[in-house]
Amino acid sequence: MLGHDFRRTTACNTERTGVPRSVATKLTGHRTEAVYRRYAIVSDADLKDAAQKLTGTFSGTLASVIAKTPVVK
């Protein structure tokens, strides 16, 4: 059971740190990406973090577009 837990933890941590999935699959010893995906569980905290990053990205993009838009009088 310990090896199973280690593989799951490794899969989750590599996803969170942005390691490419092809590298993570080899690192954890999974033969296929489908099996790897079963181990790489997405938590609610992961989803919240992703939503915050996207919000910041879109807000920053919108702010830069507005800043570059000429004001017509």
PDB file of N, CA and C in Angstrom:
ATOM      1  N   MET A   1       0.815  -1.201   0.000  1.00  0.00           N
ATOM      2  CA  MET A   1       0.000   0.000   0.000  1.00  0.00           C
ATOM      3  C   MET A   1       0.856   1.261   0.000  1.00  0.00           C
ATOM      4  N   LEU A   2       2.010   1.212   0.602  1.00  0.00           N
ATOM      5  CA  LEU A   2       2.875   2.385   0.683  1.00  0.00           C
ATOM      6  C   LEU A   2       3.351   2.838  -0.698  1.00  0.00           C
ATOM      7  N   GLY A   3       3.711   1.896  -1.557  1.00  0.00           N
ATOM      8  CA  GLY A   3       4.138   2.246  -2.919  1.00  0.00           C
ATOM      9  C   GLY A   3       3.028   2.925  -3.698  1.00  0.00           C
ATOM     10  N   HIS A   4       1.805   2.438  -3.513  1.00  0.00           N
ATOM     11  CA  HIS A   4       0.631   3.022  -4.165  1.00  0.00           C
ATOM     12  C   HIS A   4       0.461   4.478  -3.722  1.00  0.00           C
ATOM     13  N   ASP A   5       0.556   4.718  -2.431  1.00  0.00           N
ATOM     14  CA  ASP A   5       0.424   6.075  -1.892  1.00  0.00           C
ATOM     15  C   ASP A   5       1.533   6.987  -2.407  1.00  0.00           C
ATOM     16  N   PHE A   6       2.749   6.457  -2.491  1.00  0.00           N
ATOM     17  CA  PHE A   6       3.879   7.240  -2.975  1.00  0.00           C
ATOM     18  C   PHE A   6       3.660   7.666  -4.423  1.00  0.00           C
ATOM     19  N   ARG A   7       3.168   6.749  -5.241  1.00  0.00           N
ATOM     20  CA  ARG A   7       2.927   7.078  -6.653  1.00  0.00           C
ATOM     21  C   ARG A   7       1.844   8.144  -6.786  1.00  0.00           C
ATOM     22  N   ARG A   8       0.802   8.038  -5.977  1.00  0.00           N
ATOM     23  CA  ARG A   8      -0.286   9.025  -6.036  1.00  0.00           C
ATOM     24  C   ARG A   8       0.225  10.404  -5.609  1.00  0.00           C
ATOM     25  N   THR A   9       0.973  10.445  -4.526  1.00  0.00           N
ATOM     26  CA  THR A   9       1.526  11.713  -4.045  1.00  0.00           C
ATOM     27  C   THR A   9       2.466  12.321  -5.079  1.00  0.00           C
ATOM     28  N   THR A  10       3.303  11.494  -5.673  1.00  0.00           N
ATOM     29  CA  THR A  10       4.226  11.979  -6.694  1.00  0.00           C
ATOM     30  C   THR A  10       3.470  12.517  -7.902  1.00  0.00           C
ATOM     31  N   ALA A  11       2.435  11.811  -8.333  1.00  0.00           N
ATOM     32  CA  ALA A  11       1.645  12.268  -9.474  1.00  0.00           C
ATOM     33  C   ALA A  11       0.990  13.615  -9.173  1.00  0.00           C
ATOM     34  N   CYS A  12       0.408  13.750  -8.006  1.00  0.00           N
ATOM     35  CA  CYS A  12      -0.247  15.014  -7.629  1.00  0.00           C
ATOM     36  C   CYS A  12       0.757  16.160  -7.537  1.00  0.00           C
ATOM     37  N   ASN A  13       1.893  15.898  -6.920  1.00  0.00           N
ATOM     38  CA  ASN A  13       2.901  16.950  -6.753  1.00  0.00           C
ATOM     39  C   ASN A  13       3.513  17.374  -8.083  1.00  0.00           C
ATOM     40  N   THR A  14       3.735  16.437  -8.994  1.00  0.00           N
ATOM     41  CA  THR A  14       4.309  16.820 -10.289  1.00  0.00           C
ATOM     42  C   THR A  14       3.311  17.648 -11.089  1.00  0.00           C
ATOM     43  N   GLU A  15       2.022  17.324 -10.975  1.00  0.00           N
ATOM     44  CA  GLU A  15       0.999  18.130 -11.655  1.00  0.00           C
ATOM     45  C   GLU A  15       0.997  19.558 -11.102  1.00  0.00           C
ATOM     46  N   ARG A  16       1.047  19.674  -9.784  1.00  0.00           N
ATOM     47  CA  ARG A  16       0.987  20.996  -9.146  1.00  0.00           C
ATOM     48  C   ARG A  16       2.205  21.859  -9.466  1.00  0.00           C
ATOM     49  N   THR A  17       3.354  21.229  -9.670  1.00  0.00           N
ATOM     50  CA  THR A  17       4.569  22.005  -9.931  1.00  0.00           C
ATOM     51  C   THR A  17       4.796  22.272 -11.411  1.00  0.00           C
ATOM     52  N   GLY A  18       3.924  21.724 -12.258  1.00  0.00           N
ATOM     53  CA  GLY A  18       4.012  22.026 -13.682  1.00  0.00           C
ATOM     54  C   GLY A  18       4.973  21.148 -14.472  1.00  0.00           C
ATOM     55  N   VAL A  19       5.377  20.012 -13.914  1.00  0.00           N
ATOM     56  CA  VAL A  19       6.232  19.084 -14.643  1.00  0.00           C
ATOM     57  C   VAL A  19       5.422  18.547 -15.827  1.00  0.00           C
ATOM     58  N   PRO A  20       5.988  18.504 -17.022  1.00  0.00           N
ATOM     59  CA  PRO A  20       5.247  17.973 -18.172  1.00  0.00           C
ATOM     60  C   PRO A  20       4.741  16.556 -17.884  1.00  0.00           C
ATOM     61  N   ARG A  21       3.538  16.272 -18.323  1.00  0.00           N
ATOM     62  CA  ARG A  21       2.911  14.987 -18.023  1.00  0.00           C
ATOM     63  C   ARG A  21       3.718  13.811 -18.560  1.00  0.00           C
ATOM     64  N   SER A  22       4.361  13.969 -19.709  1.00  0.00           N
ATOM     65  CA  SER A  22       5.172  12.876 -20.257  1.00  0.00           C
ATOM     66  C   SER A  22       6.337  12.542 -19.333  1.00  0.00           C
ATOM     67  N   VAL A  23       6.920  13.555 -18.718  1.00  0.00           N
ATOM     68  CA  VAL A  23       8.024  13.339 -17.771  1.00  0.00           C
ATOM     69  C   VAL A  23       7.476  12.727 -16.483  1.00  0.00           C
ATOM     70  N   ALA A  24       6.365  13.248 -15.995  1.00  0.00           N
ATOM     71  CA  ALA A  24       5.773  12.749 -14.756  1.00  0.00           C
ATOM     72  C   ALA A  24       5.365  11.289 -14.891  1.00  0.00           C
ATOM     73  N   THR A  25       4.852  10.910 -16.056  1.00  0.00           N
ATOM     74  CA  THR A  25       4.441   9.524 -16.281  1.00  0.00           C
ATOM     75  C   THR A  25       5.626   8.584 -16.154  1.00  0.00           C
ATOM     76  N   LYS A  26       6.749   8.965 -16.725  1.00  0.00           N
ATOM     77  CA  LYS A  26       7.948   8.136 -16.613  1.00  0.00           C
ATOM     78  C   LYS A  26       8.494   8.144 -15.186  1.00  0.00           C
ATOM     79  N   LEU A  27       8.423   9.289 -14.537  1.00  0.00           N
ATOM     80  CA  LEU A  27       8.917   9.407 -13.173  1.00  0.00           C
ATOM     81  C   LEU A  27       8.154   8.488 -12.215  1.00  0.00           C
ATOM     82  N   THR A  28       6.843   8.404 -12.381  1.00  0.00           N
ATOM     83  CA  THR A  28       6.033   7.579 -11.500  1.00  0.00           C
ATOM     84  C   THR A  28       5.998   6.114 -11.932  1.00  0.00           C
ATOM     85  N   GLY A  29       6.486   5.828 -13.126  1.00  0.00           N
ATOM     86  CA  GLY A  29       6.532   4.450 -13.601  1.00  0.00           C
ATOM     87  C   GLY A  29       5.246   3.958 -14.231  1.00  0.00           C
ATOM     88  N   HIS A  30       4.341   4.864 -14.551  1.00  0.00           N
ATOM     89  CA  HIS A  30       3.108   4.452 -15.218  1.00  0.00           C
ATOM     90  C   HIS A  30       3.394   4.200 -16.692  1.00  0.00           C
ATOM     91  N   ARG A  31       2.785   3.170 -17.219  1.00  0.00           N
ATOM     92  CA  ARG A  31       3.043   2.813 -18.624  1.00  0.00           C
ATOM     93  C   ARG A  31       2.224   3.628 -19.599  1.00  0.00           C
ATOM     94  N   THR A  32       1.070   4.104 -19.161  1.00  0.00           N
ATOM     95  CA  THR A  32       0.220   4.904 -20.041  1.00  0.00           C
ATOM     96  C   THR A  32      -0.237   6.165 -19.314  1.00  0.00           C
ATOM     97  N   GLU A  33      -0.605   7.156 -20.099  1.00  0.00           N
ATOM     98  CA  GLU A  33      -1.090   8.403 -19.510  1.00  0.00           C
ATOM     99  C   GLU A  33      -2.464   8.200 -18.867  1.00  0.00           C
ATOM    100  N   ALA A  34      -3.237   7.277 -19.402  1.00  0.00           N
ATOM    101  CA  ALA A  34      -4.567   7.009 -18.834  1.00  0.00           C
ATOM    102  C   ALA A  34      -4.453   6.526 -17.382  1.00  0.00           C
ATOM    103  N   VAL A  35      -3.507   5.649 -17.119  1.00  0.00           N
ATOM    104  CA  VAL A  35      -3.319   5.155 -15.754  1.00  0.00           C
ATOM    105  C   VAL A  35      -2.769   6.276 -14.880  1.00  0.00           C
ATOM    106  N   TYR A  36      -1.848   7.062 -15.420  1.00  0.00           N
ATOM    107  CA  TYR A  36      -1.285   8.188 -14.667  1.00  0.00           C
ATOM    108  C   TYR A  36      -2.399   9.144 -14.227  1.00  0.00           C
ATOM    109  N   ARG A  37      -3.336   9.429 -15.128  1.00  0.00           N
ATOM    110  CA  ARG A  37      -4.419  10.365 -14.808  1.00  0.00           C
ATOM    111  C   ARG A  37      -5.266   9.880 -13.636  1.00  0.00           C
ATOM    112  N   ARG A  38      -5.382   8.571 -13.453  1.00  0.00           N
ATOM    113  CA  ARG A  38      -6.128   8.046 -12.303  1.00  0.00           C
ATOM    114  C   ARG A  38      -5.447   8.407 -10.994  1.00  0.00           C
ATOM    115  N   TYR A  39      -4.135   8.537 -11.041  1.00  0.00           N
ATOM    116  CA  TYR A  39      -3.378   8.860  -9.837  1.00  0.00           C
ATOM    117  C   TYR A  39      -3.296  10.360  -9.590  1.00  0.00           C
ATOM    118  N   ALA A  40      -3.331  11.159 -10.621  1.00  0.00           N
ATOM    119  CA  ALA A  40      -3.177  12.614 -10.492  1.00  0.00           C
ATOM    120  C   ALA A  40      -4.528  13.247 -10.171  1.00  0.00           C
ATOM    121  N   ILE A  41      -4.915  13.164  -8.922  1.00  0.00           N
ATOM    122  CA  ILE A  41      -6.215  13.666  -8.485  1.00  0.00           C
ATOM    123  C   ILE A  41      -6.167  15.187  -8.342  1.00  0.00           C
ATOM    124  N   VAL A  42      -7.220  15.835  -8.813  1.00  0.00           N
ATOM    125  CA  VAL A  42      -7.334  17.287  -8.722  1.00  0.00           C
ATOM    126  C   VAL A  42      -8.172  17.617  -7.493  1.00  0.00           C
ATOM    127  N   SER A  43      -7.615  18.410  -6.608  1.00  0.00           N
ATOM    128  CA  SER A  43      -8.340  18.783  -5.392  1.00  0.00           C
ATOM    129  C   SER A  43      -9.098  20.095  -5.600  1.00  0.00           C
ATOM    130  N   ASP A  44      -9.980  20.394  -4.675  1.00  0.00           N
ATOM    131  CA  ASP A  44     -10.706  21.662  -4.727  1.00  0.00           C
ATOM    132  C   ASP A  44      -9.739  22.842  -4.630  1.00  0.00           C
ATOM    133  N   ALA A  45      -8.681  22.677  -3.845  1.00  0.00           N
ATOM    134  CA  ALA A  45      -7.681  23.745  -3.717  1.00  0.00           C
ATOM    135  C   ALA A  45      -6.969  23.975  -5.046  1.00  0.00           C
ATOM    136  N   ASP A  46      -6.711  22.901  -5.800  1.00  0.00           N
ATOM    137  CA  ASP A  46      -6.084  23.032  -7.119  1.00  0.00           C
ATOM    138  C   ASP A  46      -6.996  23.825  -8.059  1.00  0.00           C
ATOM    139  N   LEU A  47      -8.284  23.518  -8.028  1.00  0.00           N
ATOM    140  CA  LEU A  47      -9.242  24.222  -8.888  1.00  0.00           C
ATOM    141  C   LEU A  47      -9.342  25.697  -8.519  1.00  0.00           C
ATOM    142  N   LYS A  48      -9.360  25.976  -7.220  1.00  0.00           N
ATOM    143  CA  LYS A  48      -9.444  27.367  -6.759  1.00  0.00           C
ATOM    144  C   LYS A  48      -8.193  28.142  -7.183  1.00  0.00           C
ATOM    145  N   ASP A  49      -7.028  27.518  -7.045  1.00  0.00           N
ATOM    146  CA  ASP A  49      -5.767  28.148  -7.442  1.00  0.00           C
ATOM    147  C   ASP A  49      -5.766  28.450  -8.939  1.00  0.00           C
ATOM    148  N   ALA A  50      -6.230  27.498  -9.735  1.00  0.00           N
ATOM    149  CA  ALA A  50      -6.279  27.698 -11.188  1.00  0.00           C
ATOM    150  C   ALA A  50      -7.223  28.845 -11.548  1.00  0.00           C
ATOM    151  N   ALA A  51      -8.377  28.904 -10.880  1.00  0.00           N
ATOM    152  CA  ALA A  51      -9.338  29.977 -11.150  1.00  0.00           C
ATOM    153  C   ALA A  51      -8.754  31.338 -10.801  1.00  0.00           C
ATOM    154  N   GLN A  52      -8.017  31.414  -9.696  1.00  0.00           N
ATOM    155  CA  GLN A  52      -7.395  32.679  -9.305  1.00  0.00           C
ATOM    156  C   GLN A  52      -6.315  33.085 -10.309  1.00  0.00           C
ATOM    157  N   LYS A  53      -5.545  32.129 -10.782  1.00  0.00           N
ATOM    158  CA  LYS A  53      -4.510  32.440 -11.771  1.00  0.00           C
ATOM    159  C   LYS A  53      -5.133  32.941 -13.063  1.00  0.00           C
ATOM    160  N   LEU A  54      -6.210  32.284 -13.501  1.00  0.00           N
ATOM    161  CA  LEU A  54      -6.881  32.712 -14.731  1.00  0.00           C
ATOM    162  C   LEU A  54      -7.501  34.090 -14.572  1.00  0.00           C
ATOM    163  N   THR A  55      -8.100  34.346 -13.435  1.00  0.00           N
ATOM    164  CA  THR A  55      -8.696  35.657 -13.184  1.00  0.00           C
ATOM    165  C   THR A  55      -7.623  36.731 -13.246  1.00  0.00           C
ATOM    166  N   GLY A  56      -6.488  36.476 -12.633  1.00  0.00           N
ATOM    167  CA  GLY A  56      -5.385  37.434 -12.670  1.00  0.00           C
ATOM    168  C   GLY A  56      -4.854  37.639 -14.079  1.00  0.00           C
ATOM    169  N   THR A  57      -4.786  36.578 -14.846  1.00  0.00           N
ATOM    170  CA  THR A  57      -4.305  36.674 -16.227  1.00  0.00           C
ATOM    171  C   THR A  57      -5.246  37.505 -17.067  1.00  0.00           C
ATOM    172  N   PHE A  58      -6.541  37.204 -16.978  1.00  0.00           N
ATOM    173  CA  PHE A  58      -7.500  37.941 -17.777  1.00  0.00           C
ATOM    174  C   PHE A  58      -7.622  39.383 -17.322  1.00  0.00           C
ATOM    175  N   SER A  59      -7.556  39.613 -16.024  1.00  0.00           N
ATOM    176  CA  SER A  59      -7.621  40.983 -15.511  1.00  0.00           C
ATOM    177  C   SER A  59      -6.419  41.775 -15.988  1.00  0.00           C
ATOM    178  N   GLY A  60      -5.245  41.167 -15.930  1.00  0.00           N
ATOM    179  CA  GLY A  60      -4.032  41.836 -16.389  1.00  0.00           C
ATOM    180  C   GLY A  60      -4.086  42.129 -17.874  1.00  0.00           C
ATOM    181  N   THR A  61      -4.614  41.189 -18.651  1.00  0.00           N
ATOM    182  CA  THR A  61      -4.734  41.376 -20.094  1.00  0.00           C
ATOM    183  C   THR A  61      -5.701  42.504 -20.396  1.00  0.00           C
ATOM    184  N   LEU A  62      -6.845  42.494 -19.727  1.00  0.00           N
ATOM    185  CA  LEU A  62      -7.846  43.531 -19.943  1.00  0.00           C
ATOM    186  C   LEU A  62      -7.293  44.897 -19.550  1.00  0.00           C
ATOM    187  N   ALA A  63      -6.591  44.975 -18.438  1.00  0.00           N
ATOM    188  CA  ALA A  63      -6.018  46.242 -17.989  1.00  0.00           C
ATOM    189  C   ALA A  63      -5.004  46.761 -18.997  1.00  0.00           C
ATOM    190  N   SER A  64      -4.190  45.875 -19.578  1.00  0.00           N
ATOM    191  CA  SER A  64      -3.198  46.335 -20.546  1.00  0.00           C
ATOM    192  C   SER A  64      -3.857  46.789 -21.849  1.00  0.00           C
ATOM    193  N   VAL A  65      -4.948  46.147 -22.245  1.00  0.00           N
ATOM    194  CA  VAL A  65      -5.668  46.563 -23.453  1.00  0.00           C
ATOM    195  C   VAL A  65      -6.305  47.929 -23.224  1.00  0.00           C
ATOM    196  N   ILE A  66      -6.910  48.110 -22.063  1.00  0.00           N
ATOM    197  CA  ILE A  66      -7.547  49.396 -21.755  1.00  0.00           C
ATOM    198  C   ILE A  66      -6.485  50.494 -21.691  1.00  0.00           C
ATOM    199  N   ALA A  67      -5.337  50.206 -21.119  1.00  0.00           N
ATOM    200  CA  ALA A  67      -4.285  51.204 -20.997  1.00  0.00           C
ATOM    201  C   ALA A  67      -3.762  51.626 -22.376  1.00  0.00           C
ATOM    202  N   LYS A  68      -3.787  50.735 -23.347  1.00  0.00           N
ATOM    203  CA  LYS A  68      -3.259  51.026 -24.691  1.00  0.00           C
ATOM    204  C   LYS A  68      -4.311  51.608 -25.635  1.00  0.00           C
ATOM    205  N   THR A  69      -5.570  51.581 -25.214  1.00  0.00           N
ATOM    206  CA  THR A  69      -6.640  52.076 -26.072  1.00  0.00           C
ATOM    207  C   THR A  69      -6.689  53.599 -26.014  1.00  0.00           C
ATOM    208  N   PRO A  70      -6.600  54.235 -27.178  1.00  0.00           N
ATOM    209  CA  PRO A  70      -6.649  55.706 -27.166  1.00  0.00           C
ATOM    210  C   PRO A  70      -8.027  56.223 -26.762  1.00  0.00           C
ATOM    211  N   VAL A  71      -8.030  57.307 -26.051  1.00  0.00           N
ATOM    212  CA  VAL A  71      -9.276  57.925 -25.611  1.00  0.00           C
ATOM    213  C   VAL A  71      -9.749  58.867 -26.713  1.00  0.00           C
ATOM    214  N   VAL A  72     -10.985  58.655 -27.160  1.00  0.00           N
ATOM    215  CA  VAL A  72     -11.566  59.495 -28.207  1.00  0.00           C
ATOM    216  C   VAL A  72     -12.429  60.555 -27.535  1.00  0.00           C
ATOM    217  N   LYS A  73     -12.158  61.825 -27.884  1.00  0.00           N
ATOM    218  CA  LYS A  73     -12.926  62.919 -27.281  1.00  0.00           C
ATOM    219  C   LYS A  73     -13.840  63.541 -28.281  1.00  0.00           C
TER     220      LYS A  73
END
